[in-house]
C-alpha atoms as a PDB file:
ATOM      1  CA  UNK A   1     -28.030   5.789  -0.298  1.00  0.00           C
ATOM      2  CA  UNK A   2     -29.572   8.624   1.971  1.00  0.00           C
ATOM      3  CA  UNK A   3     -31.442  11.293   0.414  1.00  0.00           C
ATOM      4  CA  UNK A   4     -32.419  15.175   1.078  1.00  0.00           C
ATOM      5  CA  UNK A   5     -35.405  16.300  -1.058  1.00  0.00           C
ATOM      6  CA  UNK A   6     -36.841  19.721  -1.187  1.00  0.00           C
ATOM      7  CA  UNK A   7     -38.329  22.720  -3.575  1.00  0.00           C
ATOM      8  CA  UNK A   8     -36.942  25.724  -4.441  1.00  0.00           C
ATOM      9  CA  UNK A   9     -39.971  27.526  -3.146  1.00  0.00           C
ATOM     10  CA  UNK A  10     -39.103  27.301   0.593  1.00  0.00           C
ATOM     11  CA  UNK A  11     -40.742  23.793   1.722  1.00  0.00           C
ATOM     12  CA  UNK A  12     -38.693  21.187   2.817  1.00  0.00           C
ATOM     13  CA  UNK A  13     -40.211  17.929   2.331  1.00  0.00           C
ATOM     14  CA  UNK A  14     -39.390  14.644   4.094  1.00  0.00           C
ATOM     15  CA  UNK A  15     -36.856  12.259   2.732  1.00  0.00           C
ATOM     16  CA  UNK A  16     -39.987   9.771   2.086  1.00  0.00           C
ATOM     17  CA  UNK A  17     -41.965  11.882   0.132  1.00  0.00           C
ATOM     18  CA  UNK A  18     -39.747  12.904  -3.011  1.00  0.00           C
ATOM     19  CA  UNK A  19     -35.926  11.290  -3.496  1.00  0.00           C
ATOM     20  CA  UNK A  20     -34.933  10.105  -7.071  1.00  0.00           C
ATOM     21  CA  UNK A  21     -35.004   7.026  -8.309  1.00  0.00           C
ATOM     22  CA  UNK A  22     -31.671   5.650  -9.671  1.00  0.00           C
ATOM     23  CA  UNK A  23     -32.897   5.793 -13.294  1.00  0.00           C
ATOM     24  CA  UNK A  24     -33.716  10.175 -12.192  1.00  0.00           C
ATOM     25  CA  UNK A  25     -30.752  10.486 -10.591  1.00  0.00           C
ATOM     26  CA  UNK A  26     -28.876   9.389 -13.977  1.00  0.00           C
ATOM     27  CA  UNK A  27     -30.827  11.132 -16.374  1.00  0.00           C
ATOM     28  CA  UNK A  28     -29.862  14.894 -13.833  1.00  0.00           C
ATOM     29  CA  UNK A  29     -26.293  13.212 -14.240  1.00  0.00           C
ATOM     30  CA  UNK A  30     -26.635  13.340 -18.148  1.00  0.00           C
ATOM     31  CA  UNK A  31     -27.916  16.640 -18.344  1.00  0.00           C
ATOM     32  CA  UNK A  32     -25.665  18.494 -15.811  1.00  0.00           C
ATOM     33  CA  UNK A  33     -22.635  15.980 -15.238  1.00  0.00           C
ATOM     34  CA  UNK A  34     -20.087  18.277 -16.246  1.00  0.00           C
ATOM     35  CA  UNK A  35     -17.715  18.485 -13.656  1.00  0.00           C
ATOM     36  CA  UNK A  36     -14.580  16.412 -13.598  1.00  0.00           C
ATOM     37  CA  UNK A  37     -16.357  14.761 -10.015  1.00  0.00           C
ATOM     38  CA  UNK A  38     -20.006  14.479 -11.573  1.00  0.00           C
ATOM     39  CA  UNK A  39     -19.594  10.705 -12.530  1.00  0.00           C
ATOM     40  CA  UNK A  40     -18.065  10.240  -9.111  1.00  0.00           C
ATOM     41  CA  UNK A  41     -21.224  11.046  -7.249  1.00  0.00           C
ATOM     42  CA  UNK A  42     -22.765   7.830  -8.184  1.00  0.00           C
ATOM     43  CA  UNK A  43     -20.095   5.908  -6.209  1.00  0.00           C
ATOM     44  CA  UNK A  44     -21.499   3.920  -2.888  1.00  0.00           C
ATOM     45  CA  UNK A  45     -21.717   5.608   0.682  1.00  0.00           C
ATOM     46  CA  UNK A  46     -22.500   8.987  -0.933  1.00  0.00           C
ATOM     47  CA  UNK A  47     -25.870  10.662   0.375  1.00  0.00           C
ATOM     48  CA  UNK A  48     -28.117  13.185  -2.016  1.00  0.00           C
ATOM     49  CA  UNK A  49     -29.448  16.154  -1.395  1.00  0.00           C
ATOM     50  CA  UNK A  50     -32.444  16.707  -4.137  1.00  0.00           C
ATOM     51  CA  UNK A  51     -33.929  19.321  -5.655  1.00  0.00           C
ATOM     52  CA  UNK A  52     -37.171  17.620  -7.900  1.00  0.00           C
ATOM     53  CA  UNK A  53     -36.778  19.076 -10.995  1.00  0.00           C
ATOM     54  CA  UNK A  54     -33.739  20.863 -10.428  1.00  0.00           C
ATOM     55  CA  UNK A  55     -30.962  18.593  -9.653  1.00  0.00           C
ATOM     56  CA  UNK A  56     -29.138  17.068  -6.864  1.00  0.00           C
ATOM     57  CA  UNK A  57     -25.849  17.791  -4.709  1.00  0.00           C
ATOM     58  CA  UNK A  58     -23.516  14.929  -3.431  1.00  0.00           C
ATOM     59  CA  UNK A  59     -21.972  14.271  -0.316  1.00  0.00           C
ATOM     60  CA  UNK A  60     -20.040  12.095   2.144  1.00  0.00           C
ATOM     61  CA  UNK A  61     -20.268  12.118   6.073  1.00  0.00           C
ATOM     62  CA  UNK A  62     -17.181  11.831   8.376  1.00  0.00           C
ATOM     63  CA  UNK A  63     -17.173  12.808  11.665  1.00  0.00           C
ATOM     64  CA  UNK A  64     -20.140  13.926  11.718  1.00  0.00           C
ATOM     65  CA  UNK A  65     -19.261  16.399   9.139  1.00  0.00           C
ATOM     66  CA  UNK A  66     -20.494  17.177   6.144  1.00  0.00           C
ATOM     67  CA  UNK A  67     -18.375  16.642   2.854  1.00  0.00           C
ATOM     68  CA  UNK A  68     -19.695  18.240  -0.777  1.00  0.00           C
ATOM     69  CA  UNK A  69     -18.014  16.470  -3.636  1.00  0.00           C
ATOM     70  CA  UNK A  70     -17.745  18.833  -6.412  1.00  0.00           C
ATOM     71  CA  UNK A  71     -20.531  21.434  -7.998  1.00  0.00           C
ATOM     72  CA  UNK A  72     -24.224  20.676  -7.637  1.00  0.00           C
ATOM     73  CA  UNK A  73     -25.693  18.268 -10.760  1.00  0.00           C
ATOM     74  CA  UNK A  74     -27.612  21.273 -12.219  1.00  0.00           C
ATOM     75  CA  UNK A  75     -28.434  24.085 -14.120  1.00  0.00           C
ATOM     76  CA  UNK A  76     -25.062  26.556 -13.411  1.00  0.00           C
ATOM     77  CA  UNK A  77     -28.740  29.094 -12.760  1.00  0.00           C
ATOM     78  CA  UNK A  78     -29.688  27.253  -9.914  1.00  0.00           C
ATOM     79  CA  UNK A  79     -25.927  26.880  -8.018  1.00  0.00           C
ATOM     80  CA  UNK A  80     -26.988  29.989  -5.700  1.00  0.00           C
ATOM     81  CA  UNK A  81     -30.618  28.667  -4.626  1.00  0.00           C
ATOM     82  CA  UNK A  82     -29.427  24.995  -4.202  1.00  0.00           C
ATOM     83  CA  UNK A  83     -26.525  26.213  -2.326  1.00  0.00           C
ATOM     84  CA  UNK A  84     -28.742  28.402   0.059  1.00  0.00           C
ATOM     85  CA  UNK A  85     -30.938  25.414   1.114  1.00  0.00           C
ATOM     86  CA  UNK A  86     -28.514  22.822   1.525  1.00  0.00           C
ATOM     87  CA  UNK A  87     -26.884  25.438   3.750  1.00  0.00           C
ATOM     88  CA  UNK A  88     -30.131  25.715   5.934  1.00  0.00           C
ATOM     89  CA  UNK A  89     -29.423  22.158   6.608  1.00  0.00           C
ATOM     90  CA  UNK A  90     -25.950  21.923   7.011  1.00  0.00           C
ATOM     91  CA  UNK A  91     -24.709  25.354   7.696  1.00  0.00           C
ATOM     92  CA  UNK A  92     -21.186  24.290   8.102  1.00  0.00           C
ATOM     93  CA  UNK A  93     -20.266  21.726   4.955  1.00  0.00           C
ATOM     94  CA  UNK A  94     -17.037  21.704   3.951  1.00  0.00           C
ATOM     95  CA  UNK A  95     -17.164  21.828  -0.139  1.00  0.00           C
ATOM     96  CA  UNK A  96     -14.394  19.578  -1.781  1.00  0.00           C
ATOM     97  CA  UNK A  97     -13.186  20.315  -5.346  1.00  0.00           C
ATOM     98  CA  UNK A  98     -15.579  22.990  -6.699  1.00  0.00           C
ATOM     99  CA  UNK A  99     -15.476  25.714  -9.289  1.00  0.00           C
ATOM    100  CA  UNK A 100     -14.657  29.375  -9.255  1.00  0.00           C
ATOM    101  CA  UNK A 101     -18.374  30.313  -9.462  1.00  0.00           C
ATOM    102  CA  UNK A 102     -19.401  28.187  -6.446  1.00  0.00           C
ATOM    103  CA  UNK A 103     -16.743  30.021  -4.552  1.00  0.00           C
ATOM    104  CA  UNK A 104     -17.567  33.067  -5.394  1.00  0.00           C
ATOM    105  CA  UNK A 105     -21.372  32.231  -4.236  1.00  0.00           C
ATOM    106  CA  UNK A 106     -20.317  30.936  -1.656  1.00  0.00           C
ATOM    107  CA  UNK A 107     -17.847  33.486  -0.037  1.00  0.00           C
ATOM    108  CA  UNK A 108     -20.371  36.452  -1.190  1.00  0.00           C
ATOM    109  CA  UNK A 109     -23.473  35.039   0.128  1.00  0.00           C
ATOM    110  CA  UNK A 110     -22.385  32.884   3.250  1.00  0.00           C
ATOM    111  CA  UNK A 111     -19.050  34.542   4.018  1.00  0.00           C
ATOM    112  CA  UNK A 112     -17.139  30.888   3.502  1.00  0.00           C
ATOM    113  CA  UNK A 113     -13.100  31.125   2.523  1.00  0.00           C
ATOM    114  CA  UNK A 114     -12.589  29.584  -0.867  1.00  0.00           C
ATOM    115  CA  UNK A 115      -9.260  28.032  -1.090  1.00  0.00           C
ATOM    116  CA  UNK A 116      -7.282  26.715  -3.802  1.00  0.00           C
ATOM    117  CA  UNK A 117      -7.263  23.144  -3.406  1.00  0.00           C
ATOM    118  CA  UNK A 118      -5.399  22.349  -6.644  1.00  0.00           C
ATOM    119  CA  UNK A 119      -5.921  22.289 -10.432  1.00  0.00           C
ATOM    120  CA  UNK A 120      -7.252  20.769 -13.041  1.00  0.00           C
ATOM    121  CA  UNK A 121      -6.262  20.927 -16.648  1.00  0.00           C
ATOM    122  CA  UNK A 122      -8.592  20.189 -20.014  1.00  0.00           C
ATOM    123  CA  UNK A 123      -7.366  19.287 -23.393  1.00  0.00           C
ATOM    124  CA  UNK A 124      -8.372  20.127 -26.579  1.00  0.00           C
ATOM    125  CA  UNK A 125      -8.493  17.251 -29.250  1.00  0.00           C
ATOM    126  CA  UNK A 126      -8.915  18.966 -32.324  1.00  0.00           C
ATOM    127  CA  UNK A 127      -5.459  20.176 -32.102  1.00  0.00           C
ATOM    128  CA  UNK A 128      -3.955  17.824 -29.506  1.00  0.00           C
ATOM    129  CA  UNK A 129      -0.433  16.805 -31.342  1.00  0.00           C
ATOM    130  CA  UNK A 130       2.697  15.114 -30.033  1.00  0.00           C
ATOM    131  CA  UNK A 131       4.731  17.861 -31.282  1.00  0.00           C
ATOM    132  CA  UNK A 132       7.079  20.275 -28.442  1.00  0.00           C
ATOM    133  CA  UNK A 133       9.857  19.723 -26.145  1.00  0.00           C
ATOM    134  CA  UNK A 134       7.368  19.610 -23.187  1.00  0.00           C
ATOM    135  CA  UNK A 135       6.253  16.322 -25.231  1.00  0.00           C
ATOM    136  CA  UNK A 136       9.119  14.650 -25.594  1.00  0.00           C
ATOM    137  CA  UNK A 137       8.734  12.179 -22.546  1.00  0.00           C
ATOM    138  CA  UNK A 138       5.059  11.519 -24.137  1.00  0.00           C
ATOM    139  CA  UNK A 139       6.747  10.425 -27.464  1.00  0.00           C
ATOM    140  CA  UNK A 140       9.712   8.547 -25.648  1.00  0.00           C
ATOM    141  CA  UNK A 141       6.900   6.835 -23.788  1.00  0.00           C
ATOM    142  CA  UNK A 142       5.397   5.386 -26.802  1.00  0.00           C
ATOM    143  CA  UNK A 143       8.453   4.527 -28.241  1.00  0.00           C
ATOM    144  CA  UNK A 144       9.537   2.301 -25.530  1.00  0.00           C
ATOM    145  CA  UNK A 145       6.347   0.328 -25.591  1.00  0.00           C
ATOM    146  CA  UNK A 146       6.218  -0.538 -29.296  1.00  0.00           C
ATOM    147  CA  UNK A 147       9.935  -1.907 -28.632  1.00  0.00           C
ATOM    148  CA  UNK A 148       8.119  -4.096 -25.546  1.00  0.00           C
ATOM    149  CA  UNK A 149       5.776  -5.247 -27.977  1.00  0.00           C
ATOM    150  CA  UNK A 150       3.275  -3.749 -25.618  1.00  0.00           C
ATOM    151  CA  UNK A 151      -0.384  -3.442 -27.920  1.00  0.00           C
ATOM    152  CA  UNK A 152      -2.612  -1.047 -26.403  1.00  0.00           C
ATOM    153  CA  UNK A 153      -6.473  -1.765 -27.140  1.00  0.00           C
ATOM    154  CA  UNK A 154     -10.205  -0.842 -25.496  1.00  0.00           C
ATOM    155  CA  UNK A 155     -11.764  -3.312 -24.006  1.00  0.00           C
ATOM    156  CA  UNK A 156     -14.045  -4.759 -21.177  1.00  0.00           C
ATOM    157  CA  UNK A 157     -13.117  -5.106 -17.873  1.00  0.00           C
ATOM    158  CA  UNK A 158     -10.072  -7.799 -18.124  1.00  0.00           C
ATOM    159  CA  UNK A 159      -9.945 -10.803 -15.980  1.00  0.00           C
ATOM    160  CA  UNK A 160      -6.481  -9.262 -15.041  1.00  0.00           C
ATOM    161  CA  UNK A 161      -7.480  -6.359 -13.532  1.00  0.00           C
ATOM    162  CA  UNK A 162      -8.301  -7.208  -9.749  1.00  0.00           C
ATOM    163  CA  UNK A 163      -4.383  -8.648 -10.041  1.00  0.00           C
ATOM    164  CA  UNK A 164      -2.714  -5.558 -11.460  1.00  0.00           C
ATOM    165  CA  UNK A 165      -4.427  -3.222  -9.149  1.00  0.00           C
ATOM    166  CA  UNK A 166      -3.411  -5.561  -5.950  1.00  0.00           C
ATOM    167  CA  UNK A 167       0.020  -5.421  -6.770  1.00  0.00           C
ATOM    168  CA  UNK A 168       0.164  -1.763  -7.702  1.00  0.00           C
ATOM    169  CA  UNK A 169      -1.573  -0.414  -4.015  1.00  0.00           C
ATOM    170  CA  UNK A 170       1.399  -2.400  -2.677  1.00  0.00           C
ATOM    171  CA  UNK A 171       4.018   0.029  -4.987  1.00  0.00           C
ATOM    172  CA  UNK A 172       2.143   3.135  -3.232  1.00  0.00           C
ATOM    173  CA  UNK A 173       2.872   5.349  -0.437  1.00  0.00           C
ATOM    174  CA  UNK A 174      -0.862   4.567   0.632  1.00  0.00           C
ATOM    175  CA  UNK A 175      -0.835   0.718   0.911  1.00  0.00           C
ATOM    176  CA  UNK A 176      -3.335  -0.164   3.323  1.00  0.00           C
ATOM    177  CA  UNK A 177      -6.382   1.138   1.272  1.00  0.00           C
ATOM    178  CA  UNK A 178      -7.650   1.992  -2.103  1.00  0.00           C
ATOM    179  CA  UNK A 179      -8.132   6.051  -1.918  1.00  0.00           C
ATOM    180  CA  UNK A 180     -11.754   6.778  -2.126  1.00  0.00           C
ATOM    181  CA  UNK A 181     -14.025   9.606  -2.751  1.00  0.00           C
ATOM    182  CA  UNK A 182     -12.029  12.503  -4.268  1.00  0.00           C
ATOM    183  CA  UNK A 183     -11.222   9.553  -6.221  1.00  0.00           C
ATOM    184  CA  UNK A 184     -14.042   6.880  -6.822  1.00  0.00           C
ATOM    185  CA  UNK A 185     -13.539   3.472  -6.303  1.00  0.00           C
ATOM    186  CA  UNK A 186     -12.182   1.086  -9.426  1.00  0.00           C
ATOM    187  CA  UNK A 187     -15.216  -1.077  -8.947  1.00  0.00           C
ATOM    188  CA  UNK A 188     -18.718   0.498  -8.766  1.00  0.00           C
ATOM    189  CA  UNK A 189     -22.288  -0.652  -9.440  1.00  0.00           C
ATOM    190  CA  UNK A 190     -23.050   2.075 -11.920  1.00  0.00           C
ATOM    191  CA  UNK A 191     -20.520   1.860 -15.192  1.00  0.00           C
ATOM    192  CA  UNK A 192     -22.759   3.244 -18.235  1.00  0.00           C
ATOM    193  CA  UNK A 193     -20.399   4.819 -20.722  1.00  0.00           C
ATOM    194  CA  UNK A 194     -17.543   4.343 -18.795  1.00  0.00           C
ATOM    195  CA  UNK A 195     -14.287   3.297 -21.342  1.00  0.00           C
ATOM    196  CA  UNK A 196     -11.470   0.499 -20.183  1.00  0.00           C
ATOM    197  CA  UNK A 197      -7.709   1.265 -21.812  1.00  0.00           C
ATOM    198  CA  UNK A 198      -5.779  -2.142 -21.493  1.00  0.00           C
ATOM    199  CA  UNK A 199      -1.551  -2.034 -22.647  1.00  0.00           C
ATOM    200  CA  UNK A 200      -0.873  -6.155 -23.077  1.00  0.00           C
ATOM    201  CA  UNK A 201       2.740  -8.000 -23.485  1.00  0.00           C
ATOM    202  CA  UNK A 202       2.343 -11.405 -24.384  1.00  0.00           C
ATOM    203  CA  UNK A 203      -1.302 -11.130 -24.576  1.00  0.00           C
ATOM    204  CA  UNK A 204      -1.531 -10.375 -20.629  1.00  0.00           C
ATOM    205  CA  UNK A 205      -2.717  -7.126 -19.501  1.00  0.00           C
ATOM    206  CA  UNK A 206      -0.273  -4.957 -17.972  1.00  0.00           C
ATOM    207  CA  UNK A 207      -1.338  -2.044 -17.581  1.00  0.00           C
ATOM    208  CA  UNK A 208      -4.672   0.053 -17.480  1.00  0.00           C
ATOM    209  CA  UNK A 209      -6.806   3.508 -17.518  1.00  0.00           C
ATOM    210  CA  UNK A 210     -10.901   3.763 -16.638  1.00  0.00           C
ATOM    211  CA  UNK A 211     -12.332   6.676 -18.274  1.00  0.00           C
ATOM    212  CA  UNK A 212     -15.466   8.228 -17.081  1.00  0.00           C
ATOM    213  CA  UNK A 213     -18.074  10.129 -18.989  1.00  0.00           C
ATOM    214  CA  UNK A 214     -18.719  13.755 -18.947  1.00  0.00           C
ATOM    215  CA  UNK A 215     -22.301  15.223 -20.123  1.00  0.00           C
ATOM    216  CA  UNK A 216     -23.770  18.685 -21.102  1.00  0.00           C
ATOM    217  CA  UNK A 217     -27.326  19.069 -22.264  1.00  0.00           C
ATOM    218  CA  UNK A 218     -27.988  15.098 -22.327  1.00  0.00           C
ATOM    219  CA  UNK A 219     -24.740  14.768 -24.815  1.00  0.00           C
ATOM    220  CA  UNK A 220     -21.653  12.930 -23.876  1.00  0.00           C
ATOM    221  CA  UNK A 221     -18.612  15.905 -24.193  1.00  0.00           C
ATOM    222  CA  UNK A 222     -15.674  14.860 -22.414  1.00  0.00           C
ATOM    223  CA  UNK A 223     -13.933  12.056 -20.492  1.00  0.00           C
ATOM    224  CA  UNK A 224     -11.709  11.954 -17.634  1.00  0.00           C
ATOM    225  CA  UNK A 225      -9.050   9.241 -16.789  1.00  0.00           C
ATOM    226  CA  UNK A 226     -10.479   8.389 -13.108  1.00  0.00           C
ATOM    227  CA  UNK A 227      -8.379   4.741 -12.768  1.00  0.00           C
ATOM    228  CA  UNK A 228      -4.916   3.730 -13.501  1.00  0.00           C
ATOM    229  CA  UNK A 229      -2.947   0.545 -12.429  1.00  0.00           C
ATOM    230  CA  UNK A 230       0.308  -0.792 -13.749  1.00  0.00           C
ATOM    231  CA  UNK A 231       2.246  -3.746 -12.807  1.00  0.00           C
ATOM    232  CA  UNK A 232       5.529  -2.821 -11.164  1.00  0.00           C
ATOM    233  CA  UNK A 233       7.903  -4.703 -14.197  1.00  0.00           C
ATOM    234  CA  UNK A 234       5.882  -2.111 -16.914  1.00  0.00           C
ATOM    235  CA  UNK A 235       5.028   0.866 -14.926  1.00  0.00           C
ATOM    236  CA  UNK A 236       7.733   3.245 -16.599  1.00  0.00           C
ATOM    237  CA  UNK A 237       5.492   5.425 -18.991  1.00  0.00           C
ATOM    238  CA  UNK A 238       2.754   3.125 -19.885  1.00  0.00           C
ATOM    239  CA  UNK A 239       0.177   5.550 -18.380  1.00  0.00           C
ATOM    240  CA  UNK A 240       1.147   8.081 -21.458  1.00  0.00           C
ATOM    241  CA  UNK A 241       1.308   5.427 -23.914  1.00  0.00           C
ATOM    242  CA  UNK A 242      -2.466   4.699 -23.092  1.00  0.00           C
ATOM    243  CA  UNK A 243      -3.581   7.935 -22.911  1.00  0.00           C
ATOM    244  CA  UNK A 244      -2.311   9.135 -26.219  1.00  0.00           C
ATOM    245  CA  UNK A 245      -4.202   6.055 -27.664  1.00  0.00           C
ATOM    246  CA  UNK A 246      -7.498   6.648 -25.903  1.00  0.00           C
ATOM    247  CA  UNK A 247      -7.323  10.343 -26.602  1.00  0.00           C
ATOM    248  CA  UNK A 248      -6.883   9.590 -30.481  1.00  0.00           C
ATOM    249  CA  UNK A 249      -9.538   6.926 -30.177  1.00  0.00           C
ATOM    250  CA  UNK A 250     -11.685   9.866 -28.743  1.00  0.00           C
ATOM    251  CA  UNK A 251     -10.954  12.449 -31.334  1.00  0.00           C
ATOM    252  CA  UNK A 252     -12.069  10.073 -34.095  1.00  0.00           C
ATOM    253  CA  UNK A 253     -15.530  10.431 -32.620  1.00  0.00           C
ATOM    254  CA  UNK A 254     -15.355  13.395 -32.376  1.00  0.00           C
ATOM    255  CA  UNK A 255     -14.721  14.226 -28.451  1.00  0.00           C
ATOM    256  CA  UNK A 256     -14.013  17.218 -27.934  1.00  0.00           C
ATOM    257  CA  UNK A 257     -11.903  17.379 -25.065  1.00  0.00           C
ATOM    258  CA  UNK A 258     -10.367  15.405 -22.292  1.00  0.00           C
ATOM    259  CA  UNK A 259     -10.479  16.795 -18.739  1.00  0.00           C
ATOM    260  CA  UNK A 260      -7.429  14.948 -17.422  1.00  0.00           C
ATOM    261  CA  UNK A 261      -9.137  15.564 -13.558  1.00  0.00           C
ATOM    262  CA  UNK A 262      -7.415  16.798 -10.003  1.00  0.00           C
ATOM    263  CA  UNK A 263      -4.103  17.703  -9.660  1.00  0.00           C
ATOM    264  CA  UNK A 264      -3.868  17.964  -5.590  1.00  0.00           C
ATOM    265  CA  UNK A 265      -1.975  20.497  -4.598  1.00  0.00           C
ATOM    266  CA  UNK A 266      -0.673  21.997  -7.785  1.00  0.00           C
ATOM    267  CA  UNK A 267      -1.413  25.642  -6.456  1.00  0.00           C
ATOM    268  CA  UNK A 268      -1.402  29.359  -8.155  1.00  0.00           C
ATOM    269  CA  UNK A 269       1.334  31.367  -6.733  1.00  0.00           C
ATOM    270  CA  UNK A 270      -1.383  34.438  -6.491  1.00  0.00           C
ATOM    271  CA  UNK A 271      -3.589  34.529  -3.686  1.00  0.00           C
ATOM    272  CA  UNK A 272      -7.578  35.453  -4.094  1.00  0.00           C
ATOM    273  CA  UNK A 273      -9.353  37.834  -1.636  1.00  0.00           C
ATOM    274  CA  UNK A 274     -11.225  35.029  -0.528  1.00  0.00           C
ATOM    275  CA  UNK A 275      -8.698  32.627   0.411  1.00  0.00           C
ATOM    276  CA  UNK A 276      -7.382  31.600   3.521  1.00  0.00           C
ATOM    277  CA  UNK A 277      -3.480  32.240   3.850  1.00  0.00           C
ATOM    278  CA  UNK A 278      -2.957  29.973   6.400  1.00  0.00           C
ATOM    279  CA  UNK A 279      -4.197  26.921   5.368  1.00  0.00           C
ATOM    280  CA  UNK A 280      -2.274  28.096   1.450  1.00  0.00           C
ATOM    281  CA  UNK A 281       0.532  28.031   3.359  1.00  0.00           C
ATOM    282  CA  UNK A 282      -0.304  24.733   5.071  1.00  0.00           C
ATOM    283  CA  UNK A 283      -1.284  23.129   1.707  1.00  0.00           C
ATOM    284  CA  UNK A 284       2.160  23.721   0.412  1.00  0.00           C
ATOM    285  CA  UNK A 285       3.854  22.695   3.159  1.00  0.00           C
ATOM    286  CA  UNK A 286       2.439  19.425   2.597  1.00  0.00           C
ATOM    287  CA  UNK A 287       2.771  19.198  -1.140  1.00  0.00           C
ATOM    288  CA  UNK A 288       6.659  19.745  -0.388  1.00  0.00           C
ATOM    289  CA  UNK A 289       6.790  17.649   2.701  1.00  0.00           C
ATOM    290  CA  UNK A 290       4.184  15.339   2.040  1.00  0.00           C
ATOM    291  CA  UNK A 291       5.603  12.803  -0.548  1.00  0.00           C
ATOM    292  CA  UNK A 292       4.899  10.253   2.137  1.00  0.00           C
ATOM    293  CA  UNK A 293       1.420  10.516   1.782  1.00  0.00           C
ATOM    294  CA  UNK A 294       0.830  11.303  -1.786  1.00  0.00           C
ATOM    295  CA  UNK A 295       2.839  11.265  -5.173  1.00  0.00           C
ATOM    296  CA  UNK A 296       2.022  15.256  -5.593  1.00  0.00           C
ATOM    297  CA  UNK A 297       4.841  16.226  -7.569  1.00  0.00           C
ATOM    298  CA  UNK A 298       4.751  13.383  -9.515  1.00  0.00           C
ATOM    299  CA  UNK A 299       0.717  13.598 -10.402  1.00  0.00           C
ATOM    300  CA  UNK A 300       1.267  17.055 -11.686  1.00  0.00           C
ATOM    301  CA  UNK A 301       4.904  16.618 -13.339  1.00  0.00           C
ATOM    302  CA  UNK A 302       3.040  13.777 -15.454  1.00  0.00           C
ATOM    303  CA  UNK A 303      -0.225  15.644 -16.546  1.00  0.00           C
ATOM    304  CA  UNK A 304       1.613  18.862 -17.211  1.00  0.00           C
ATOM    305  CA  UNK A 305       3.309  17.058 -20.187  1.00  0.00           C
ATOM    306  CA  UNK A 306      -0.099  17.358 -21.751  1.00  0.00           C
ATOM    307  CA  UNK A 307       0.022  21.285 -22.229  1.00  0.00           C
ATOM    308  CA  UNK A 308      -3.578  21.570 -21.324  1.00  0.00           C
ATOM    309  CA  UNK A 309      -5.513  24.664 -20.123  1.00  0.00           C
ATOM    310  CA  UNK A 310      -5.247  24.665 -16.431  1.00  0.00           C
ATOM    311  CA  UNK A 311      -8.084  25.828 -14.134  1.00  0.00           C
ATOM    312  CA  UNK A 312      -8.360  26.011 -10.651  1.00  0.00           C
ATOM    313  CA  UNK A 313     -10.246  23.956  -8.169  1.00  0.00           C
ATOM    314  CA  UNK A 314     -11.036  24.867  -5.005  1.00  0.00           C
ATOM    315  CA  UNK A 315     -12.273  23.862  -1.293  1.00  0.00           C
ATOM    316  CA  UNK A 316     -14.488  26.032   0.996  1.00  0.00           C
ATOM    317  CA  UNK A 317     -14.641  26.359   4.508  1.00  0.00           C
ATOM    318  CA  UNK A 318     -16.196  28.162   7.160  1.00  0.00           C
ATOM    319  CA  UNK A 319     -13.481  28.536   9.262  1.00  0.00           C
ATOM    320  CA  UNK A 320      -9.856  30.186   8.495  1.00  0.00           C
ATOM    321  CA  UNK A 321      -8.312  26.994   9.087  1.00  0.00           C
ATOM    322  CA  UNK A 322     -10.572  23.958   9.206  1.00  0.00           C
ATOM    323  CA  UNK A 323      -7.698  21.601  10.268  1.00  0.00           C
ATOM    324  CA  UNK A 324     -10.177  19.045  12.137  1.00  0.00           C
ATOM    325  CA  UNK A 325     -12.473  19.226   8.537  1.00  0.00           C
ATOM    326  CA  UNK A 326      -9.225  18.886   6.716  1.00  0.00           C
ATOM    327  CA  UNK A 327      -8.166  16.092   8.407  1.00  0.00           C
ATOM    328  CA  UNK A 328     -11.318  14.424   8.459  1.00  0.00           C
ATOM    329  CA  UNK A 329     -11.294  14.666   4.538  1.00  0.00           C
ATOM    330  CA  UNK A 330      -7.838  13.093   4.776  1.00  0.00           C
ATOM    331  CA  UNK A 331      -9.345  10.000   6.465  1.00  0.00           C
ATOM    332  CA  UNK A 332     -12.766  10.039   4.344  1.00  0.00           C
ATOM    333  CA  UNK A 333     -10.408  10.107   1.249  1.00  0.00           C
ATOM    334  CA  UNK A 334      -8.138   7.240   3.028  1.00  0.00           C
ATOM    335  CA  UNK A 335      -4.795   9.095   2.783  1.00  0.00           C
ATOM    336  CA  UNK A 336      -4.238   8.669   5.922  1.00  0.00           C
END
């Protein structure tokens, strides 16, 4: 992992003078890792722009371009100085899955476009329930799982995990490689406070969801389901059943909400002033016709059943049509 270090008073430092150790990076993550992609910044092959005493920006390189993952991992009051320093070094970087405050800074101070990239959904656990017509499919999935003798429980990394994953990937539209960057790899060296929930049939794991932690001020405040797999013969509905079981466990522990994570290309009808209209139109076409690349509509349908609070997420880019950069990002993620 390569690192770029600096101070906020304007003096750039060489990487060899001041870079974060693994323990220091984890400390910043646990203090400021509230974004759904914060934990994913710990995946391998990421590079870091470090600011001692403040936090870091995580990014990946591809085709000579820099792709920032999520919001800076720092206090919001430092977003603008962090981004200012970063853009002095990488003035044409593309930002993926960032929040509206980041969009506003990049647009107003650096003339970036901020185009909606998808949506996220947060589900409050204090008032979570299974009532309502929209959740009928969840109730049906739970009943079907019980009828099939499925047992759902939390546990350590199961020996069947890799077998399930390999079989699952063969059923996907992207069969050659596991998606990375926007979805962190299933196997990571760093896995503190990750949670594993499995569905078992006759003692054998047939599906699972891995949850990553979100933090604020040193406290664990939420989980995001980042990795989910199922055997082809048991794929229908098990995701819902595992999700509900995990949510009930988290609620019993006092976790306030679950962040369902990114739904790529789930776009609002309205356009915002800083958006690139041509890119939005292209994204809408990809969503409607790109089913061979990714199951955009299926994921949107599944997460919408939980009736969470939807928030927009954005990509920020220099040019109105960052065609090469978008192709590079899809290649980076292995979607194409």
